[in-house]
Amino acid sequence: MKSKKYLLQEADIPRAWYNVIPDMAVKPAPLINPGTKEPLKAQDLYPLFSKAAADQELNTTDRWIEIPDEVRDMYRIWRPTPLVRARGLEKLLDTPAHIYFKNESVSPVGSHKLNSAIAQAYYCKQQGVTNITTETGAGQWGAALSLAAKHFGLELAVYMVKISYEQKPYRRSIMQTYGAEVISSPSMSTKAGRKIITDNPNYQGSLGTAISEAVELAMSTDNCKYVLGSVLNHVALHQTVIGLEAEKQMEMAGEYPDVVIACFGGGSNFSGLAFPFLRHKLIGERVDTRFVAAEPSSCPKLTRGIFEYDFGDEAGYTPLIPMYTLGHNFRPANIHAGGLRYHGGGAIISQLKHDGLIEAVDIDQLDTFKAATLFARSEGIIPAPESSHAIAATINEALKCKVSGEKKTILFNLSGHGLIDMTAYDRYFANDLTNYTVTDEEIAQYTKDLEKIL
């Protein structure tokens, strides 16, 4: 059975991003300066981030923030992205549920990450910045920022988590093709990296480690800013173009989602799809919609972490963030969903989870590849390992409908394709992948010294 696409026109690309914080009854606790223990002001972030990104990060009053014309012009290269009715998957599952997915894999770099990369690179260029640094897990963010940096004439250094640097050489090649310098993290090029290697020479890295190195380089380099791919509020803001488009497309389809699902690492693609729909729940219009974040069971911050202040990086360079966390020193297993190997969730997501407005599920690695294979064989798209967590959660919801007979509408975000992740699929088909379980004792050890939420 053929899937059906719901397509918008260029004129339907959003003209403003949606800031969810003004609609939240309980706002996220403030970011904290770890030295003074005082709430951060925007100017405290100016040395690290572009001024515009810092201002957006702490903006709690403006519901809509205008998208600059030059950013919107670049969005036109691939946006609006299709909304697709997954009739093939529905038929395979024999479910009464209607399944839709927002296909962010059609961007030039194959993922949703370009939505924020373009915006942040634009703001750095407008400020006169010449160099930027960042981290990347699986490489989707690094690839996106490499393209955006080249467009705006910025020099970029990317710290790529070591295990992904080795598992995903073609993502590294993509970044280098666009002109970025790619460094395996932890590295000997920073104080933070050298300490980590000295303490644990065989450590395969984490996003927290790579963030530490990128932040250190930015702070020690003239006319350089750090650019982040997830977790923080301004990144979630830029990604809301996904959900704003999907709202219009669901209206075209004559339906409204009962369940909204996305994979969860730091929160960028989940926020992007969910927040525009969530606003209707926050203001009392659509109170029955559920929002489900699907994370790896090997890195289960939302499902098993604790809600406290923690650093966003391993070395402790960042502000303290109020979030669900496994501890900034947590060392995740070497799963292939490298973009989800992060110890914490963003402040907004964490507050929403704490208040019961969103849910979270954890998915085993083998279950994600089983779901990915079913999706590829029914819909023709090979998904990224990260996106496969959302697909697995969607399949679980659809099978519940099969049992109950409920005709729910499920919407998930296909955040990226997996065409550069085929070595992971090879290992899956060869029965060479395993699941990883984090013990309660490990979580308690990594979280025992965290700061209490004010």
Protein backbone atom coordinates (compact mmCIF):
# COMPACT_ATOMS: atom_id res chain seq x y z
CA MET A 1 0.00 0.00 0.00
CA LYS A 2 1.45 3.34 -1.02
CA SER A 3 2.30 5.99 1.55
CA LYS A 4 0.78 9.42 1.05
CA LYS A 5 2.80 12.63 1.30
CA TYR A 6 1.43 15.95 2.51
CA LEU A 7 3.44 18.76 0.94
CA LEU A 8 3.51 22.47 1.70
CA GLN A 9 4.71 25.36 -0.46
CA GLU A 10 7.70 27.64 0.15
CA ALA A 11 5.32 30.29 1.44
CA ASP A 12 4.39 27.91 4.27
CA ILE A 13 7.89 27.90 5.77
CA PRO A 14 7.41 29.43 9.25
CA ARG A 15 8.33 33.10 9.62
CA ALA A 16 8.95 32.81 13.37
CA TRP A 17 10.20 30.16 15.78
CA TYR A 18 7.98 29.18 18.72
CA ASN A 19 9.30 29.74 22.25
CA VAL A 20 7.41 27.39 24.59
CA ILE A 21 8.55 28.96 27.87
CA PRO A 22 5.97 31.81 27.98
CA ASP A 23 3.19 29.20 27.83
CA MET A 24 4.61 27.03 30.62
CA ALA A 25 2.84 27.41 33.97
CA VAL A 26 6.06 26.36 35.70
CA LYS A 27 9.13 27.86 34.04
CA PRO A 28 12.46 26.03 34.03
CA ALA A 29 14.76 26.94 36.89
CA PRO A 30 17.53 29.35 35.80
CA LEU A 31 20.95 28.38 34.55
CA ILE A 32 23.45 28.89 37.37
CA ASN A 33 26.99 30.26 37.38
CA PRO A 34 28.93 27.41 39.07
CA GLY A 35 31.33 29.88 40.68
CA THR A 36 28.92 32.41 42.16
CA LYS A 37 25.85 30.15 42.34
CA GLU A 38 23.86 33.08 40.95
CA PRO A 39 21.41 32.84 38.02
CA LEU A 40 23.05 33.63 34.70
CA LYS A 41 22.29 36.78 32.74
CA ALA A 42 22.51 36.87 28.96
CA GLN A 43 25.71 38.89 29.11
CA ASP A 44 27.33 36.09 31.12
CA LEU A 45 26.96 33.90 28.04
CA TYR A 46 28.27 36.46 25.53
CA PRO A 47 31.94 35.33 25.79
CA LEU A 48 30.95 31.79 24.76
CA PHE A 49 27.94 32.11 22.44
CA SER A 50 26.85 34.61 19.82
CA LYS A 51 24.92 37.48 21.38
CA ALA A 52 21.71 36.50 19.57
CA ALA A 53 21.92 32.88 20.74
CA ALA A 54 22.60 33.99 24.32
CA ASP A 55 19.63 36.37 24.28
CA GLN A 56 17.37 33.66 22.88
CA GLU A 57 18.61 31.20 25.49
CA LEU A 58 17.28 33.31 28.35
CA ASN A 59 14.20 34.72 26.63
CA THR A 60 11.20 33.76 28.77
CA THR A 61 8.73 36.38 27.52
CA ASP A 62 8.54 36.35 23.70
CA ARG A 63 6.34 33.53 22.41
CA TRP A 64 7.38 34.10 18.79
CA ILE A 65 10.90 35.02 17.61
CA GLU A 66 11.29 36.11 14.02
CA ILE A 67 13.41 33.98 11.68
CA PRO A 68 15.93 36.20 9.84
CA ASP A 69 15.30 36.46 6.09
CA GLU A 70 18.73 35.04 5.20
CA VAL A 71 18.11 31.99 7.40
CA ARG A 72 14.68 31.49 5.91
CA ASP A 73 16.15 31.79 2.42
CA MET A 74 18.49 28.89 3.17
CA TYR A 75 15.61 26.89 4.64
CA ARG A 76 14.02 27.05 1.19
CA ILE A 77 16.68 24.68 -0.14
CA TRP A 78 14.83 21.75 1.47
CA ARG A 79 11.93 23.09 3.52
CA PRO A 80 9.08 22.51 3.96
CA THR A 81 9.84 18.84 4.53
CA PRO A 82 7.20 16.19 3.72
CA LEU A 83 4.72 14.74 6.17
CA VAL A 84 4.12 11.11 5.18
CA ARG A 85 1.33 8.69 6.04
CA ALA A 86 3.12 5.40 6.71
CA ARG A 87 0.49 3.14 5.18
CA GLY A 88 3.03 0.42 4.46
CA LEU A 89 4.03 0.21 8.12
CA GLU A 90 0.38 0.30 9.18
CA LYS A 91 -0.36 -2.65 6.90
CA LEU A 92 2.66 -4.61 8.08
CA LEU A 93 1.63 -4.13 11.72
CA ASP A 94 -2.05 -4.77 10.96
CA THR A 95 -2.93 -1.87 13.25
CA PRO A 96 -5.96 0.42 13.23
CA ALA A 97 -3.65 3.30 14.16
CA HIS A 98 -2.83 5.95 11.58
CA ILE A 99 0.92 6.54 11.53
CA TYR A 100 2.52 9.72 10.17
CA PHE A 101 6.14 10.79 10.11
CA LYS A 102 7.79 14.14 9.47
CA ASN A 103 10.67 13.38 7.10
CA GLU A 104 13.63 15.52 8.17
CA SER A 105 16.04 13.18 6.37
CA VAL A 106 15.56 15.10 3.12
CA SER A 107 17.85 17.97 4.17
CA PRO A 108 21.19 18.30 2.31
CA VAL A 109 22.98 16.66 5.24
CA GLY A 110 20.30 14.04 5.86
CA SER A 111 18.98 15.21 9.23
CA HIS A 112 17.07 17.90 11.13
CA LYS A 113 20.27 19.43 12.52
CA LEU A 114 20.61 21.98 9.73
CA ASN A 115 17.63 23.93 11.12
CA SER A 116 19.70 25.26 14.02
CA ALA A 117 23.14 25.11 12.37
CA ILE A 118 22.16 27.70 9.78
CA ALA A 119 20.65 30.01 12.39
CA GLN A 120 23.62 29.87 14.74
CA ALA A 121 26.21 30.25 11.98
CA TYR A 122 24.25 33.23 10.65
CA TYR A 123 24.25 34.94 14.04
CA CYS A 124 28.00 34.40 14.43
CA LYS A 125 28.67 35.86 10.99
CA GLN A 126 26.46 38.90 11.70
CA GLN A 127 28.47 39.53 14.86
CA GLY A 128 31.77 39.46 12.97
CA VAL A 129 32.93 36.13 14.40
CA THR A 130 35.49 34.30 12.23
CA ASN A 131 35.92 30.95 14.01
CA ILE A 132 33.50 28.54 15.67
CA THR A 133 33.82 25.26 17.54
CA THR A 134 31.41 22.47 18.31
CA GLU A 135 31.05 18.83 19.31
CA THR A 136 29.28 16.01 17.51
CA GLY A 137 28.20 12.52 18.52
CA ALA A 138 27.14 10.48 15.50
CA GLY A 139 28.17 13.29 13.15
CA GLN A 140 24.80 14.68 12.01
CA TRP A 141 25.31 17.94 13.89
CA GLY A 142 28.92 18.24 12.81
CA ALA A 143 27.94 17.72 9.17
CA ALA A 144 25.16 20.30 9.42
CA LEU A 145 27.34 22.94 11.05
CA SER A 146 30.17 22.25 8.58
CA LEU A 147 27.85 23.12 5.70
CA ALA A 148 26.46 26.18 7.48
CA ALA A 149 29.95 27.40 8.41
CA LYS A 150 31.14 27.10 4.82
CA HIS A 151 28.12 29.05 3.57
CA PHE A 152 28.83 31.94 5.93
CA GLY A 153 32.62 31.86 5.57
CA LEU A 154 33.44 30.65 9.08
CA GLU A 155 36.29 28.39 10.14
CA LEU A 156 35.03 25.38 12.09
CA ALA A 157 36.68 22.87 14.42
CA VAL A 158 34.55 19.82 15.32
CA TYR A 159 35.32 17.53 18.25
CA MET A 160 33.81 14.19 17.28
CA VAL A 161 33.24 11.53 19.95
CA LYS A 162 36.00 8.95 19.48
CA ILE A 163 33.77 5.90 19.16
CA SER A 164 31.75 7.59 16.41
CA TYR A 165 34.92 8.94 14.78
CA GLU A 166 35.94 5.30 14.36
CA GLN A 167 32.49 3.76 13.73
CA LYS A 168 31.32 6.39 11.23
CA PRO A 169 34.26 7.44 9.03
CA TYR A 170 32.03 8.75 6.27
CA ARG A 171 30.40 11.29 8.58
CA ARG A 172 33.90 12.54 9.27
CA SER A 173 34.51 12.66 5.51
CA ILE A 174 31.37 14.73 4.99
CA MET A 175 32.55 17.32 7.49
CA GLN A 176 35.97 17.46 5.89
CA THR A 177 34.40 17.79 2.44
CA TYR A 178 32.63 20.92 3.65
CA GLY A 179 35.94 22.26 4.99
CA ALA A 180 35.78 21.58 8.73
CA GLU A 181 38.63 20.33 10.88
CA VAL A 182 37.55 17.15 12.69
CA ILE A 183 39.29 16.04 15.90
CA SER A 184 38.70 12.71 17.65
CA SER A 185 37.60 13.34 21.25
CA PRO A 186 39.06 13.00 23.80
CA SER A 187 42.16 14.49 22.23
CA MET A 188 45.54 15.80 23.33
CA SER A 189 44.74 19.26 21.93
CA THR A 190 42.96 20.54 25.07
CA LYS A 191 43.56 20.48 28.80
CA ALA A 192 40.25 18.71 29.34
CA GLY A 193 41.07 16.06 26.73
CA ARG A 194 44.55 15.42 28.08
CA LYS A 195 43.23 14.91 31.61
CA ILE A 196 40.58 12.46 30.45
CA ILE A 197 43.09 10.46 28.39
CA THR A 198 45.57 10.43 31.27
CA ASP A 199 42.91 9.19 33.69
CA ASN A 200 41.48 6.62 31.26
CA PRO A 201 43.67 6.01 28.17
CA ASN A 202 41.13 3.67 26.53
CA TYR A 203 38.07 5.90 27.00
CA GLN A 204 35.94 6.02 23.83
CA GLY A 205 34.55 9.47 24.54
CA SER A 206 31.12 11.01 25.10
CA LEU A 207 29.26 14.13 24.07
CA GLY A 208 30.05 15.60 27.49
CA THR A 209 33.77 15.15 26.81
CA ALA A 210 33.56 16.62 23.30
CA ILE A 211 31.62 19.63 24.62
CA SER A 212 34.37 20.30 27.17
CA GLU A 213 37.01 20.32 24.46
CA ALA A 214 35.01 22.51 22.10
CA VAL A 215 34.21 25.01 24.86
CA GLU A 216 37.85 25.17 25.94
CA LEU A 217 39.03 25.82 22.38
CA ALA A 218 36.41 28.53 21.86
CA MET A 219 37.35 30.32 25.09
CA SER A 220 41.07 30.25 24.25
CA THR A 221 40.80 31.33 20.59
CA ASP A 222 40.48 34.92 19.40
CA ASN A 223 37.18 35.89 17.73
CA CYS A 224 35.78 32.42 18.25
CA LYS A 225 32.40 31.25 19.55
CA TYR A 226 31.03 27.91 20.62
CA VAL A 227 27.98 26.54 18.80
CA LEU A 228 25.84 23.80 20.37
CA GLY A 229 23.69 21.22 18.57
CA SER A 230 21.15 20.27 21.24
CA VAL A 231 20.16 20.55 24.93
CA LEU A 232 19.94 24.34 25.28
CA ASN A 233 16.79 26.41 24.85
CA HIS A 234 17.86 28.35 21.76
CA VAL A 235 18.56 25.11 19.86
CA ALA A 236 15.12 23.76 20.72
CA LEU A 237 13.69 27.09 19.57
CA HIS A 238 15.24 26.86 16.09
CA GLN A 239 13.99 23.31 15.61
CA THR A 240 10.32 24.28 16.06
CA VAL A 241 10.07 24.83 12.30
CA ILE A 242 9.52 21.05 12.23
CA GLY A 243 6.38 21.03 14.35
CA LEU A 244 5.00 24.29 12.97
CA GLU A 245 5.06 22.79 9.48
CA ALA A 246 3.66 19.50 10.74
CA GLU A 247 0.69 21.30 12.29
CA LYS A 248 -0.37 22.62 8.88
CA GLN A 249 0.25 19.25 7.25
CA MET A 250 -1.79 17.33 9.81
CA GLU A 251 -4.62 19.75 9.11
CA MET A 252 -4.26 18.95 5.39
CA ALA A 253 -4.54 15.27 6.29
CA GLY A 254 -7.68 15.98 8.28
CA GLU A 255 -6.24 14.55 11.49
CA TYR A 256 -4.58 15.61 14.74
CA PRO A 257 -2.04 13.47 16.60
CA ASP A 258 -3.06 11.60 19.72
CA VAL A 259 0.59 10.70 20.32
CA VAL A 260 3.70 12.67 19.28
CA ILE A 261 6.99 10.73 19.41
CA ALA A 262 10.65 11.55 18.78
CA CYS A 263 13.99 10.10 19.80
CA PHE A 264 15.80 11.82 22.63
CA GLY A 265 19.48 12.59 23.11
CA GLY A 266 19.69 16.19 24.27
CA GLY A 267 16.23 17.17 23.04
CA SER A 268 16.60 19.07 19.76
CA ASN A 269 14.42 17.00 17.42
CA PHE A 270 11.93 16.06 20.14
CA SER A 271 11.46 19.73 21.02
CA GLY A 272 11.23 20.69 17.37
CA LEU A 273 8.34 18.36 16.64
CA ALA A 274 6.61 18.38 20.02
CA PHE A 275 6.63 21.99 21.25
CA PRO A 276 4.31 23.49 18.60
CA PHE A 277 1.73 20.77 19.35
CA LEU A 278 2.38 20.98 23.08
CA ARG A 279 1.39 24.64 23.15
CA HIS A 280 -2.23 23.61 22.49
CA LYS A 281 -2.08 21.39 25.56
CA LEU A 282 -0.48 24.11 27.67
CA ILE A 283 -3.26 26.58 26.88
CA GLY A 284 -5.99 23.99 27.32
CA GLU A 285 -7.02 23.39 23.70
CA ARG A 286 -5.81 19.80 23.12
CA VAL A 287 -5.30 18.30 26.54
CA ASP A 288 -5.39 14.61 25.55
CA THR A 289 -2.33 14.52 23.26
CA ARG A 290 0.58 12.53 24.67
CA PHE A 291 4.22 13.40 24.03
CA VAL A 292 6.75 10.57 24.21
CA ALA A 293 10.55 10.91 24.19
CA ALA A 294 12.32 7.67 23.18
CA GLU A 295 15.82 7.28 24.57
CA PRO A 296 18.34 4.41 24.65
CA SER A 297 18.12 2.09 27.64
CA SER A 298 21.90 2.34 27.90
CA CYS A 299 21.66 6.12 28.51
CA PRO A 300 18.30 6.56 30.27
CA LYS A 301 18.41 10.06 31.73
CA LEU A 302 14.69 10.83 31.44
CA THR A 303 13.51 7.40 32.58
CA ARG A 304 16.06 6.69 35.31
CA GLY A 305 18.09 9.86 35.88
CA ILE A 306 17.58 12.37 38.67
CA PHE A 307 16.28 15.94 38.38
CA GLU A 308 19.08 18.17 39.70
CA TYR A 309 21.56 20.81 38.60
CA ASP A 310 24.44 19.41 36.58
CA PHE A 311 27.09 20.52 34.13
CA GLY A 312 26.40 20.10 30.44
CA ASP A 313 29.95 18.81 29.89
CA GLU A 314 32.37 16.44 31.58
CA ALA A 315 35.03 18.95 32.62
CA GLY A 316 32.60 21.37 34.25
CA TYR A 317 33.12 24.34 31.90
CA THR A 318 29.44 25.00 31.22
CA PRO A 319 26.83 26.66 33.46
CA LEU A 320 24.86 24.42 35.78
CA ILE A 321 21.68 23.28 34.04
CA PRO A 322 18.52 22.11 35.84
CA MET A 323 17.88 18.77 34.17
CA TYR A 324 17.31 15.07 34.38
CA THR A 325 20.80 13.66 34.39
CA LEU A 326 22.89 10.55 34.89
CA GLY A 327 25.80 12.72 36.02
CA HIS A 328 28.23 14.65 33.83
CA ASN A 329 30.90 11.98 34.41
CA PHE A 330 28.58 9.20 33.22
CA ARG A 331 30.24 7.04 30.58
CA PRO A 332 27.66 5.66 28.16
CA ALA A 333 27.97 2.33 26.39
CA ASN A 334 29.29 2.30 22.84
CA ILE A 335 25.93 2.00 21.08
CA HIS A 336 25.60 2.97 17.43
CA ALA A 337 23.07 5.73 18.15
CA GLY A 338 25.92 8.11 18.89
CA GLY A 339 23.70 11.19 18.87
CA LEU A 340 21.81 9.87 21.92
CA ARG A 341 24.85 9.14 24.11
CA TYR A 342 24.42 12.23 26.28
CA HIS A 343 24.10 12.25 30.05
CA GLY A 344 21.35 14.87 30.45
CA GLY A 345 18.24 16.47 29.00
CA GLY A 346 17.59 20.16 28.38
CA ALA A 347 16.09 22.42 31.05
CA ILE A 348 12.76 22.84 29.24
CA ILE A 349 12.30 19.14 28.53
CA SER A 350 13.28 18.23 32.07
CA GLN A 351 10.78 20.66 33.60
CA LEU A 352 8.02 19.38 31.32
CA LYS A 353 8.86 15.79 32.26
CA HIS A 354 8.95 16.69 35.95
CA ASP A 355 5.49 18.28 35.63
CA GLY A 356 4.04 15.24 33.85
CA LEU A 357 3.45 17.03 30.55
CA ILE A 358 5.67 14.67 28.56
CA GLU A 359 6.58 10.99 28.91
CA ALA A 360 9.73 9.01 28.26
CA VAL A 361 10.46 5.42 27.29
CA ASP A 362 13.78 3.63 27.02
CA ILE A 363 14.49 1.28 24.13
CA ASP A 364 17.07 -1.51 23.87
CA GLN A 365 19.57 -1.30 21.00
CA LEU A 366 18.45 -4.57 19.38
CA ASP A 367 14.83 -3.46 19.44
CA THR A 368 15.72 -0.25 17.61
CA PHE A 369 17.39 -2.13 14.77
CA LYS A 370 14.48 -4.55 14.54
CA ALA A 371 12.13 -1.57 14.24
CA ALA A 372 14.42 0.15 11.74
CA THR A 373 14.44 -2.94 9.53
CA LEU A 374 10.63 -3.19 9.62
CA PHE A 375 10.35 0.47 8.70
CA ALA A 376 12.87 0.20 5.86
CA ARG A 377 11.11 -2.82 4.38
CA SER A 378 7.66 -1.23 4.58
CA GLU A 379 8.45 2.43 3.81
CA GLY A 380 11.68 2.21 1.79
CA ILE A 381 13.70 4.60 3.98
CA ILE A 382 16.65 3.31 6.00
CA PRO A 383 16.55 5.34 9.23
CA ALA A 384 19.42 6.55 11.37
CA PRO A 385 19.98 4.53 14.56
CA GLU A 386 18.84 7.58 16.54
CA SER A 387 15.55 7.89 14.65
CA SER A 388 14.99 4.17 15.07
CA HIS A 389 14.26 4.74 18.76
CA ALA A 390 11.25 6.83 17.75
CA ILE A 391 10.20 4.17 15.25
CA ALA A 392 10.40 1.46 17.91
CA ALA A 393 8.28 3.55 20.29
CA THR A 394 5.79 4.22 17.48
CA ILE A 395 5.51 0.51 16.66
CA ASN A 396 4.87 -0.23 20.35
CA GLU A 397 2.06 2.34 20.42
CA ALA A 398 0.58 1.02 17.17
CA LEU A 399 0.60 -2.57 18.48
CA LYS A 400 -1.22 -1.43 21.62
CA CYS A 401 -3.89 -0.04 19.30
CA LYS A 402 -4.05 -3.41 17.56
CA VAL A 403 -4.80 -5.09 20.87
CA SER A 404 -7.28 -2.49 22.11
CA GLY A 405 -8.88 -1.67 18.76
CA GLU A 406 -8.32 2.06 19.29
CA LYS A 407 -7.86 4.12 16.12
CA LYS A 408 -5.23 6.54 17.38
CA THR A 409 -3.21 8.93 15.22
CA ILE A 410 0.52 8.68 15.88
CA LEU A 411 3.06 11.24 14.63
CA PHE A 412 6.81 10.70 14.89
CA ASN A 413 9.90 12.52 13.71
CA LEU A 414 12.17 10.75 11.24
CA SER A 415 15.09 12.93 12.28
CA GLY A 416 17.62 11.47 9.84
CA HIS A 417 18.45 8.68 7.39
CA GLY A 418 20.90 5.87 8.07
CA LEU A 419 22.68 5.57 4.73
CA ILE A 420 26.01 6.37 6.40
CA ASP A 421 25.30 3.97 9.26
CA MET A 422 25.30 0.74 7.28
CA THR A 423 28.18 -0.77 9.26
CA ALA A 424 25.80 -0.77 12.23
CA TYR A 425 23.20 -2.60 10.16
CA ASP A 426 25.88 -5.06 9.02
CA ARG A 427 26.68 -5.83 12.65
CA TYR A 428 22.98 -6.22 13.45
CA PHE A 429 22.43 -8.71 10.63
CA ALA A 430 25.56 -10.59 11.74
CA ASN A 431 24.17 -10.85 15.31
CA ASP A 432 27.14 -8.83 16.49
CA LEU A 433 25.25 -6.18 18.47
CA THR A 434 24.21 -6.38 22.09
CA ASN A 435 22.01 -4.53 24.57
CA TYR A 436 23.48 -2.61 27.49
CA THR A 437 21.94 -2.14 30.92
CA VAL A 438 22.91 0.57 33.39
CA THR A 439 22.72 -0.48 37.02
CA ASP A 440 21.09 1.56 39.78
CA GLU A 441 24.45 1.53 41.56
CA GLU A 442 26.16 3.17 38.58
CA ILE A 443 23.56 5.91 38.40
CA ALA A 444 23.78 6.53 42.15
CA GLN A 445 27.58 6.78 41.94
CA TYR A 446 27.57 9.31 39.09
CA THR A 447 24.80 11.48 40.58
CA LYS A 448 25.59 11.51 44.30
CA ASP A 449 27.30 14.92 44.37
CA LEU A 450 24.97 16.97 42.18
CA GLU A 451 23.56 20.39 43.09
CA LYS A 452 19.98 20.54 44.30
CA ILE A 453 17.35 22.33 42.19
CA LEU A 454 16.64 25.69 43.81
